[in-house]
Amino acid sequence: MSRRSRLWWLTALLASVAGTLYGRLLPESFSYGYFGFASCPGHDATSEISAVLWPVAAWVPLFWYGGGPVVVLAFAVHWLASWLGRPWIGRLFAWTAAVALVLVAGSGPVAVAVDLVLDRGCLDVWGGLEGVAYLTGWQVGPAAAALCMLAAVRNPRYLVRRTLRARWFRRGLAVSAALGLLAFAPVSDFVPGPVSKCGDSRDPEQVFLCTMHQRGLFTKVGDHLALAYGRRQCAAFPAPGVDPYLIASICPPAAEVARRERAAQQAEIQAEEARSQKICDANRHRPRVRPVRVAHDRIFTDYGVIEALETEDWDDDLLTTAQDDGLVATGPGHLMILTHSDYENCVTVEAYRQRPPLEKKGWDRVVEVGYASPSGTIELGDAMGGPQMPNMAFAGKGTYRIRVHYREPAWEELTPQHLLIQIFPGRRGQRAVRHDQPGRAGRPQRDVPSGWSGPCCSQ
């Protein structure tokens, strides 16, 4: 092994050590955001490579400490192979180790350089200079170590010249060039054509092309190829695997099938809504005393939460309190009621001037809580949006009592669950659990985050 080779090996080890020290000095986390449409293949490729090779960098000790163990191992194999008279084995191992080191721990600087050459806007995608320093600065050491390893085992010049002059090399190079030209030469049927952009056009072909592009199909070829594909699909319709919704705009038979399927789905939805509404109407509450205001609605929630919010404070942690109770919780200007997220809710809200008589019969649970209204607006609705029920704070801002009645659905028949919410003036006071019916066996569990225990699961 020559002196020049030993110096390159020493430089490679020092580069790995420098990368390790730099990584130790970095903060534990770094946050950045970007907006733009720059084309950055280096950034995308690095993300893909990191996702695949991260376990190797994390669990294989050879790639720890800036790749220092890889450098040491490659040096040992190169030295041993040279001593045994087989230097080509050491060179091959060093080349393989260098490539692996770049892929696992040194691709960042190369990716940044490629992106900046192609598009200066990619600097923002990387998080600016600070993002480049944090994300790829520690990879400079391993990348430099890999280059030094290649320099340490490079062939003498006379071997390179002899290889370049060899007949087999020149013939192989000529064949490779010819095959490359043939591979990249476009076939006449696949010459790229214009790719249209989606807009508000009502042209059937344009609608079809936009539908294809929105699904990620035929986005890299011309419109004529996409239209040819659509016409072949229409000619084969109704063959298995042909999507009528995809070709409906340019294929009348498929459009008719898609129209009938949509109509059937809509009719099924309307029938289900009518069934639920009929159940809600048949089970409406008959108040024992005359309320001031009454509102009825059928509500389907995304996450089993019905609430009234009068404040901008979303950090009151009222959800935890509601989960502990299993039905209802209140905070200043915030009322939250939990139900089963997979079933509709027949909701009746009644406002009274005085405390109404307590009703237990027919309800699985009744809970009364105090509530302070800072704005005089109690409008219940789905927490994730949608229409709100009318304001029930008829007395304006002040303190109220909220009495919530809950009745379970028929679980197997998928009928709605029922809520009766009575609101009347009163002191906030303590929570009053008026009625808690023991649960019936065989209830399905709620499909909600861990820790939730709504009315379906109350003890």
Protein backbone atom coordinates (compact mmCIF):
# COMPACT_ATOMS: atom_id res chain seq x y z
CA MET A 1 0.00 0.00 0.00
CA SER A 2 1.49 3.33 -1.07
CA ARG A 3 1.98 6.37 1.09
CA ARG A 4 -0.54 8.27 -1.01
CA SER A 5 -3.18 5.62 -0.32
CA ARG A 6 -2.52 5.71 3.43
CA LEU A 7 -2.92 9.51 3.47
CA TRP A 8 -6.27 9.26 1.72
CA TRP A 9 -7.44 6.64 4.23
CA LEU A 10 -6.39 8.91 7.11
CA THR A 11 -8.25 11.85 5.54
CA ALA A 12 -11.37 9.71 5.17
CA LEU A 13 -11.27 8.81 8.86
CA LEU A 14 -10.78 12.46 9.86
CA ALA A 15 -13.76 13.49 7.67
CA SER A 16 -15.96 10.94 9.45
CA VAL A 17 -14.85 12.24 12.84
CA ALA A 18 -15.56 15.83 11.76
CA GLY A 19 -19.08 14.86 10.62
CA THR A 20 -19.70 13.18 13.96
CA LEU A 21 -18.60 16.23 15.94
CA TYR A 22 -20.77 18.51 13.81
CA GLY A 23 -23.79 16.29 14.40
CA ARG A 24 -23.20 16.38 18.16
CA LEU A 25 -23.36 20.18 18.11
CA LEU A 26 -26.73 20.35 16.32
CA PRO A 27 -29.92 21.10 18.30
CA GLU A 28 -32.27 18.20 18.94
CA SER A 29 -34.99 19.50 16.62
CA PHE A 30 -35.49 22.00 13.83
CA SER A 31 -38.81 23.26 12.43
CA TYR A 32 -39.40 24.98 9.13
CA GLY A 33 -42.13 25.41 6.53
CA TYR A 34 -42.17 26.39 2.89
CA PHE A 35 -44.58 27.42 0.18
CA GLY A 36 -43.88 27.15 -3.51
CA PHE A 37 -43.91 24.94 -6.56
CA ALA A 38 -40.19 24.43 -7.23
CA SER A 39 -39.17 21.18 -8.89
CA CYS A 40 -36.63 19.60 -6.54
CA PRO A 41 -35.82 16.00 -7.53
CA GLY A 42 -32.86 15.88 -5.13
CA HIS A 43 -35.09 16.67 -2.14
CA ASP A 44 -37.69 14.12 -3.24
CA ALA A 45 -35.07 11.43 -3.89
CA THR A 46 -33.40 12.02 -0.52
CA SER A 47 -36.76 11.71 1.25
CA GLU A 48 -37.43 8.39 -0.48
CA ILE A 49 -33.93 7.06 0.20
CA SER A 50 -34.09 8.10 3.86
CA ALA A 51 -37.45 6.40 4.32
CA VAL A 52 -36.04 3.12 3.00
CA LEU A 53 -32.53 3.17 4.49
CA TRP A 54 -33.28 4.81 7.85
CA PRO A 55 -33.33 1.42 9.67
CA VAL A 56 -29.84 0.70 8.31
CA ALA A 57 -28.46 4.01 9.59
CA ALA A 58 -30.19 3.54 12.95
CA TRP A 59 -29.40 -0.11 13.66
CA VAL A 60 -26.20 -1.01 11.80
CA PRO A 61 -23.18 0.14 13.88
CA LEU A 62 -20.94 0.36 10.80
CA PHE A 63 -22.71 3.57 9.77
CA TRP A 64 -22.58 5.23 13.19
CA TYR A 65 -20.13 8.02 14.04
CA GLY A 66 -20.17 9.50 10.56
CA GLY A 67 -19.33 6.19 8.92
CA GLY A 68 -16.02 5.83 10.77
CA PRO A 69 -16.43 2.08 11.31
CA VAL A 70 -17.04 1.63 7.55
CA VAL A 71 -13.81 3.51 6.79
CA VAL A 72 -11.82 1.40 9.24
CA LEU A 73 -13.28 -1.87 7.93
CA ALA A 74 -12.68 -0.93 4.27
CA PHE A 75 -9.08 0.07 5.09
CA ALA A 76 -8.46 -3.26 6.84
CA VAL A 77 -9.86 -5.26 3.91
CA HIS A 78 -7.85 -3.21 1.40
CA TRP A 79 -4.62 -3.62 3.36
CA LEU A 80 -5.16 -7.36 3.83
CA ALA A 81 -6.02 -7.91 0.16
CA SER A 82 -2.92 -5.97 -0.93
CA TRP A 83 -0.73 -8.03 1.45
CA LEU A 84 -2.21 -11.26 0.02
CA GLY A 85 -1.57 -10.11 -3.54
CA ARG A 86 -5.24 -9.63 -4.40
CA PRO A 87 -5.59 -5.80 -4.49
CA TRP A 88 -8.65 -5.92 -6.73
CA ILE A 89 -10.61 -7.51 -3.85
CA GLY A 90 -9.75 -4.57 -1.59
CA ARG A 91 -10.64 -2.04 -4.29
CA LEU A 92 -13.99 -3.71 -4.96
CA PHE A 93 -14.84 -3.77 -1.25
CA ALA A 94 -13.84 -0.12 -0.83
CA TRP A 95 -15.96 0.96 -3.80
CA THR A 96 -18.97 -0.92 -2.42
CA ALA A 97 -18.45 0.53 1.07
CA ALA A 98 -18.12 4.08 -0.33
CA VAL A 99 -21.36 3.80 -2.31
CA ALA A 100 -23.21 2.37 0.69
CA LEU A 101 -21.87 5.16 2.91
CA VAL A 102 -23.08 7.85 0.50
CA LEU A 103 -26.53 6.30 0.18
CA VAL A 104 -27.04 5.76 3.90
CA ALA A 105 -25.41 8.84 5.39
CA GLY A 106 -24.11 11.16 2.70
CA SER A 107 -26.71 11.75 -0.02
CA GLY A 108 -27.89 15.11 1.36
CA PRO A 109 -25.09 17.38 0.05
CA VAL A 110 -25.31 15.79 -3.40
CA ALA A 111 -29.09 16.28 -3.46
CA VAL A 112 -28.79 19.93 -2.41
CA ALA A 113 -26.20 20.60 -5.13
CA VAL A 114 -28.41 18.99 -7.80
CA ASP A 115 -31.49 20.96 -6.71
CA LEU A 116 -29.70 24.32 -6.65
CA VAL A 117 -28.35 23.73 -10.14
CA LEU A 118 -31.83 22.93 -11.46
CA ASP A 119 -33.87 25.51 -9.53
CA ARG A 120 -32.72 28.16 -7.05
CA GLY A 121 -36.17 28.08 -5.47
CA CYS A 122 -35.31 24.68 -4.00
CA LEU A 123 -33.32 26.45 -1.29
CA ASP A 124 -36.66 27.40 0.34
CA VAL A 125 -37.84 23.80 0.05
CA TRP A 126 -34.79 22.72 2.06
CA GLY A 127 -35.59 25.35 4.71
CA GLY A 128 -33.10 27.99 3.60
CA LEU A 129 -29.46 28.01 4.58
CA GLU A 130 -30.36 27.10 8.15
CA GLY A 131 -32.34 24.08 6.96
CA VAL A 132 -29.51 22.94 4.68
CA ALA A 133 -27.03 23.25 7.54
CA TYR A 134 -29.26 21.27 9.89
CA LEU A 135 -30.53 18.60 7.47
CA THR A 136 -27.40 17.93 5.43
CA GLY A 137 -24.46 19.55 7.21
CA TRP A 138 -23.69 16.44 9.23
CA GLN A 139 -23.70 14.38 6.00
CA VAL A 140 -20.79 16.33 4.48
CA GLY A 141 -18.33 14.31 6.60
CA PRO A 142 -19.54 10.86 5.45
CA ALA A 143 -19.77 12.06 1.81
CA ALA A 144 -16.21 13.40 1.94
CA ALA A 145 -15.02 10.19 3.60
CA ALA A 146 -16.53 8.16 0.75
CA LEU A 147 -14.73 10.30 -1.86
CA CYS A 148 -11.45 9.88 0.02
CA MET A 149 -11.94 6.12 0.07
CA LEU A 150 -12.39 6.10 -3.71
CA ALA A 151 -9.25 8.20 -4.10
CA ALA A 152 -7.31 5.83 -1.84
CA VAL A 153 -8.02 2.78 -4.01
CA ARG A 154 -8.08 4.32 -7.47
CA ASN A 155 -6.24 2.50 -10.24
CA PRO A 156 -2.82 3.68 -11.39
CA ARG A 157 -2.95 5.82 -14.52
CA TYR A 158 -1.40 3.21 -16.82
CA LEU A 159 -4.21 0.75 -15.96
CA VAL A 160 -6.82 3.35 -16.85
CA ARG A 161 -5.13 4.11 -20.16
CA ARG A 162 -4.82 0.41 -20.98
CA THR A 163 -8.49 -0.13 -20.20
CA LEU A 164 -9.59 2.80 -22.38
CA ARG A 165 -7.50 1.50 -25.32
CA ALA A 166 -8.70 -2.09 -25.02
CA ARG A 167 -10.73 -3.40 -27.97
CA TRP A 168 -13.41 -4.98 -25.74
CA PHE A 169 -13.95 -1.68 -23.94
CA ARG A 170 -14.35 0.34 -27.16
CA ARG A 171 -16.75 -2.21 -28.66
CA GLY A 172 -18.79 -2.34 -25.50
CA LEU A 173 -18.95 1.44 -25.36
CA ALA A 174 -20.18 1.62 -28.98
CA VAL A 175 -22.86 -1.03 -28.38
CA SER A 176 -24.03 0.72 -25.20
CA ALA A 177 -24.30 4.06 -27.02
CA ALA A 178 -26.36 2.48 -29.83
CA LEU A 179 -28.69 0.75 -27.37
CA GLY A 180 -29.07 3.97 -25.41
CA LEU A 181 -30.12 5.91 -28.51
CA LEU A 182 -32.66 3.23 -29.38
CA ALA A 183 -34.03 3.19 -25.85
CA PHE A 184 -34.60 6.94 -25.76
CA ALA A 185 -35.87 7.30 -29.32
CA PRO A 186 -39.70 7.73 -29.15
CA VAL A 187 -41.90 5.27 -31.00
CA SER A 188 -44.29 7.01 -33.40
CA ASP A 189 -47.40 5.92 -31.48
CA PHE A 190 -46.03 7.30 -28.23
CA VAL A 191 -44.71 10.71 -29.30
CA PRO A 192 -45.51 13.08 -26.40
CA GLY A 193 -48.30 15.51 -27.19
CA PRO A 194 -49.89 18.46 -25.38
CA VAL A 195 -51.32 17.88 -21.91
CA SER A 196 -54.30 20.12 -21.18
CA LYS A 197 -54.95 21.80 -17.85
CA CYS A 198 -58.22 21.34 -16.01
CA GLY A 199 -60.61 24.25 -16.00
CA ASP A 200 -64.34 24.93 -16.07
CA SER A 201 -64.83 23.58 -19.59
CA ARG A 202 -67.98 21.55 -20.25
CA ASP A 203 -66.53 19.86 -23.29
CA PRO A 204 -66.97 16.08 -22.80
CA GLU A 205 -63.41 15.29 -23.82
CA GLN A 206 -62.03 17.98 -21.53
CA VAL A 207 -64.12 16.66 -18.62
CA PHE A 208 -62.78 13.16 -19.26
CA LEU A 209 -59.18 14.38 -19.35
CA CYS A 210 -59.62 16.30 -16.10
CA THR A 211 -61.15 13.23 -14.45
CA MET A 212 -58.17 11.16 -15.58
CA HIS A 213 -55.63 13.71 -14.35
CA GLN A 214 -57.38 14.10 -10.98
CA ARG A 215 -57.00 10.36 -10.48
CA GLY A 216 -53.32 10.56 -11.42
CA LEU A 217 -53.75 8.76 -14.76
CA PHE A 218 -52.10 9.74 -18.05
CA THR A 219 -50.49 12.84 -16.54
CA LYS A 220 -47.15 12.38 -18.35
CA VAL A 221 -48.41 11.71 -21.90
CA GLY A 222 -50.38 13.64 -24.47
CA ASP A 223 -54.14 14.09 -24.45
CA HIS A 224 -54.49 12.02 -27.64
CA LEU A 225 -53.24 8.93 -25.80
CA ALA A 226 -55.62 9.46 -22.88
CA LEU A 227 -58.57 9.93 -25.26
CA ALA A 228 -57.60 6.80 -27.19
CA TYR A 229 -57.56 4.87 -23.92
CA GLY A 230 -60.99 6.22 -22.99
CA ARG A 231 -62.51 5.28 -26.34
CA ARG A 232 -61.12 1.74 -26.06
CA GLN A 233 -62.65 1.49 -22.59
CA CYS A 234 -65.99 2.69 -23.95
CA ALA A 235 -65.87 0.15 -26.79
CA ALA A 236 -65.25 -2.62 -24.24
CA PHE A 237 -67.94 -1.44 -21.80
CA PRO A 238 -69.48 -3.13 -19.82
CA ALA A 239 -66.49 -5.44 -19.60
CA PRO A 240 -65.26 -6.29 -16.09
CA GLY A 241 -62.86 -3.72 -14.68
CA VAL A 242 -64.16 -0.78 -16.76
CA ASP A 243 -65.11 2.12 -14.47
CA PRO A 244 -68.29 3.78 -15.78
CA TYR A 245 -67.68 6.94 -13.74
CA LEU A 246 -64.28 7.42 -15.36
CA ILE A 247 -65.50 7.36 -18.97
CA ALA A 248 -69.05 8.67 -18.42
CA SER A 249 -68.41 12.02 -20.12
CA ILE A 250 -67.35 10.45 -23.46
CA CYS A 251 -69.31 7.19 -23.32
CA PRO A 252 -73.16 7.39 -23.32
CA PRO A 253 -73.71 3.75 -22.18
CA ALA A 254 -71.37 4.26 -19.23
CA ALA A 255 -73.01 7.61 -18.44
CA GLU A 256 -76.42 5.92 -18.23
CA VAL A 257 -75.11 3.22 -15.89
CA ALA A 258 -73.41 5.83 -13.70
CA ARG A 259 -76.62 7.90 -13.62
CA ARG A 260 -78.70 4.89 -12.52
CA GLU A 261 -76.18 3.94 -9.82
CA ARG A 262 -76.10 7.50 -8.46
CA ALA A 263 -79.90 7.64 -8.46
CA ALA A 264 -80.10 4.31 -6.60
CA GLN A 265 -77.56 5.50 -4.03
CA GLN A 266 -79.42 8.77 -3.54
CA ALA A 267 -82.72 6.95 -3.17
CA GLU A 268 -81.19 4.64 -0.57
CA ILE A 269 -79.84 7.62 1.37
CA GLN A 270 -83.19 9.39 1.25
CA ALA A 271 -85.02 6.25 2.39
CA GLU A 272 -82.64 5.87 5.32
CA GLU A 273 -83.10 9.54 6.25
CA ALA A 274 -86.88 9.20 6.03
CA ARG A 275 -86.74 6.09 8.25
CA SER A 276 -84.65 7.91 10.86
CA GLN A 277 -86.88 10.97 10.72
CA LYS A 278 -89.97 8.80 11.20
CA ILE A 279 -88.41 7.26 14.31
CA CYS A 280 -87.52 10.72 15.65
CA ASP A 281 -91.06 12.02 15.02
CA ALA A 282 -92.67 8.97 16.64
CA ASN A 283 -90.58 9.37 19.81
CA ARG A 284 -90.85 13.11 20.36
CA HIS A 285 -91.03 14.20 23.94
CA ARG A 286 -94.36 15.39 25.37
CA PRO A 287 -93.47 17.99 28.02
CA ARG A 288 -95.35 17.91 31.30
CA VAL A 289 -95.27 21.69 31.57
CA ARG A 290 -95.28 24.21 28.75
CA PRO A 291 -91.75 25.20 27.62
CA VAL A 292 -90.78 28.66 26.45
CA ARG A 293 -88.93 27.37 23.40
CA VAL A 294 -88.71 23.96 21.70
CA ALA A 295 -86.41 22.81 18.89
CA HIS A 296 -86.08 19.44 17.17
CA ASP A 297 -83.31 18.23 14.88
CA ARG A 298 -81.70 15.05 13.59
CA ILE A 299 -77.92 15.31 13.95
CA PHE A 300 -75.18 12.98 12.78
CA THR A 301 -71.80 13.74 14.37
CA ASP A 302 -68.33 13.01 13.04
CA TYR A 303 -66.83 12.18 16.45
CA GLY A 304 -69.82 11.79 18.77
CA VAL A 305 -69.66 15.35 20.13
CA ILE A 306 -72.57 17.82 20.27
CA GLU A 307 -71.63 21.16 21.79
CA ALA A 308 -72.43 24.84 22.20
CA LEU A 309 -69.44 27.16 22.21
CA GLU A 310 -69.67 30.81 23.23
CA THR A 311 -65.98 31.42 23.81
CA GLU A 312 -62.81 31.25 21.73
CA ASP A 313 -61.06 29.18 24.41
CA TRP A 314 -60.52 25.78 22.82
CA ASP A 315 -57.99 24.73 25.47
CA ASP A 316 -60.31 24.25 28.42
CA ASP A 317 -59.83 20.43 28.33
CA LEU A 318 -63.59 19.98 28.61
CA LEU A 319 -63.43 16.81 26.53
CA THR A 320 -61.56 15.01 29.30
CA THR A 321 -64.22 16.01 31.81
CA ALA A 322 -66.97 14.86 29.45
CA GLN A 323 -65.22 11.53 28.93
CA ASP A 324 -64.99 11.01 32.68
CA ASP A 325 -68.73 11.63 33.02
CA GLY A 326 -69.62 9.73 29.86
CA LEU A 327 -72.40 12.11 28.83
CA VAL A 328 -72.10 15.84 29.54
CA ALA A 329 -69.69 18.47 30.84
CA THR A 330 -69.73 22.27 31.00
CA GLY A 331 -67.25 25.11 31.33
CA PRO A 332 -67.63 28.88 31.11
CA GLY A 333 -69.32 29.40 27.75
CA HIS A 334 -68.80 25.79 26.68
CA LEU A 335 -71.33 22.92 26.77
CA MET A 336 -70.35 19.46 25.51
CA ILE A 337 -72.49 16.33 25.16
CA LEU A 338 -71.07 12.94 24.10
CA THR A 339 -73.03 10.36 22.10
CA HIS A 340 -72.16 7.33 20.00
CA SER A 341 -70.41 8.49 16.82
CA ASP A 342 -71.84 5.71 14.60
CA TYR A 343 -75.53 6.48 15.18
CA GLU A 344 -77.73 9.46 14.38
CA ASN A 345 -79.16 11.58 17.17
CA CYS A 346 -82.80 12.57 17.57
CA VAL A 347 -82.29 15.78 19.52
CA THR A 348 -84.98 17.77 21.31
CA VAL A 349 -84.06 20.94 23.19
CA GLU A 350 -86.59 22.61 25.52
CA ALA A 351 -86.20 25.90 27.37
CA TYR A 352 -88.21 26.57 30.57
CA ARG A 353 -88.68 29.57 32.86
CA GLN A 354 -88.64 27.30 35.91
CA ARG A 355 -87.32 23.86 36.73
CA PRO A 356 -89.44 21.23 34.91
CA PRO A 357 -90.48 17.97 36.61
CA LEU A 358 -87.82 15.28 36.63
CA GLU A 359 -88.47 12.42 34.18
CA LYS A 360 -86.72 9.07 34.42
CA LYS A 361 -89.02 6.63 32.68
CA GLY A 362 -87.86 5.65 29.22
CA TRP A 363 -84.35 7.14 29.59
CA ASP A 364 -81.11 5.24 30.15
CA ARG A 365 -79.36 8.17 31.76
CA VAL A 366 -80.28 11.61 33.09
CA VAL A 367 -77.63 14.11 34.22
CA GLU A 368 -78.11 17.72 35.32
CA VAL A 369 -75.25 20.24 35.38
CA GLY A 370 -74.82 23.99 35.84
CA TYR A 371 -73.80 26.29 33.03
CA ALA A 372 -72.66 29.91 32.81
CA SER A 373 -73.57 31.70 29.56
CA PRO A 374 -71.34 34.77 29.03
CA SER A 375 -73.10 35.93 25.85
CA GLY A 376 -76.63 34.56 26.14
CA THR A 377 -76.21 32.21 23.16
CA ILE A 378 -76.72 28.47 23.64
CA GLU A 379 -76.81 26.94 20.14
CA LEU A 380 -76.11 23.22 20.01
CA GLY A 381 -74.72 21.44 16.95
CA ASP A 382 -72.06 19.09 15.58
CA ALA A 383 -68.61 20.05 16.81
CA MET A 384 -67.13 19.64 13.30
CA GLY A 385 -69.56 22.02 11.58
CA GLY A 386 -73.01 22.02 10.06
CA PRO A 387 -76.21 23.87 11.01
CA GLN A 388 -76.75 24.91 14.62
CA MET A 389 -79.96 24.56 16.58
CA PRO A 390 -81.80 27.75 17.65
CA ASN A 391 -80.60 29.75 20.64
CA MET A 392 -82.12 28.43 23.86
CA ALA A 393 -80.75 31.05 26.26
CA PHE A 394 -84.06 32.94 26.32
CA ALA A 395 -83.11 34.82 29.52
CA GLY A 396 -79.88 36.18 28.02
CA LYS A 397 -76.49 35.80 29.63
CA GLY A 398 -76.35 34.35 33.10
CA THR A 399 -76.45 30.96 34.81
CA TYR A 400 -78.58 28.02 33.70
CA ARG A 401 -79.18 24.40 34.56
CA ILE A 402 -78.76 21.85 31.76
CA ARG A 403 -80.58 18.55 32.18
CA VAL A 404 -79.57 15.93 29.59
CA HIS A 405 -81.61 12.77 28.98
CA TYR A 406 -80.10 9.97 26.88
CA ARG A 407 -81.70 6.85 25.40
CA GLU A 408 -79.69 4.22 23.57
CA PRO A 409 -80.46 3.16 19.99
CA ALA A 410 -81.49 -0.33 18.97
CA TRP A 411 -77.93 -1.38 18.28
CA GLU A 412 -78.61 -4.14 15.76
CA GLU A 413 -81.29 -2.20 13.85
CA LEU A 414 -79.07 0.91 13.61
CA THR A 415 -81.88 3.20 14.76
CA PRO A 416 -81.05 6.69 16.07
CA GLN A 417 -80.21 7.45 19.68
CA HIS A 418 -82.32 10.03 21.51
CA LEU A 419 -81.39 13.15 23.44
CA LEU A 420 -83.70 15.42 25.42
CA ILE A 421 -81.96 18.57 26.65
CA GLN A 422 -83.86 20.81 29.06
CA ILE A 423 -82.51 24.28 29.80
CA PHE A 424 -83.82 26.55 32.56
CA PRO A 425 -82.43 29.35 34.79
CA GLY A 426 -80.68 28.28 37.96
CA ARG A 427 -77.43 28.31 39.89
CA ARG A 428 -74.42 26.53 38.55
CA GLY A 429 -74.04 24.44 41.69
CA GLN A 430 -72.91 20.82 41.65
CA ARG A 431 -73.40 18.11 39.07
CA ALA A 432 -76.52 16.06 39.77
CA VAL A 433 -76.70 12.49 38.45
CA ARG A 434 -80.44 12.01 38.52
CA HIS A 435 -80.73 8.64 36.82
CA ASP A 436 -78.26 6.06 35.57
CA GLN A 437 -79.75 2.87 34.14
CA PRO A 438 -77.40 -0.15 34.36
CA GLY A 439 -76.08 -1.05 30.91
CA ARG A 440 -77.48 -3.92 28.92
CA ALA A 441 -75.20 -6.73 27.76
CA GLY A 442 -74.14 -7.00 24.17
CA ARG A 443 -73.67 -3.29 23.42
CA PRO A 444 -71.11 -2.45 20.77
CA GLN A 445 -68.12 -0.46 21.91
CA ARG A 446 -67.57 3.03 20.54
CA ASP A 447 -64.98 3.43 17.83
CA VAL A 448 -63.32 6.44 19.46
CA PRO A 449 -59.86 7.26 20.85
CA SER A 450 -58.63 5.48 23.96
CA GLY A 451 -60.10 6.93 27.13
CA TRP A 452 -63.55 7.73 25.74
CA SER A 453 -66.47 6.27 27.65
CA GLY A 454 -69.67 7.73 26.24
CA PRO A 455 -73.29 6.93 27.08
CA CYS A 456 -73.12 3.57 25.36
CA CYS A 457 -70.53 2.41 27.83
CA SER A 458 -71.58 4.08 31.10
CA GLN A 459 -71.75 1.93 34.15
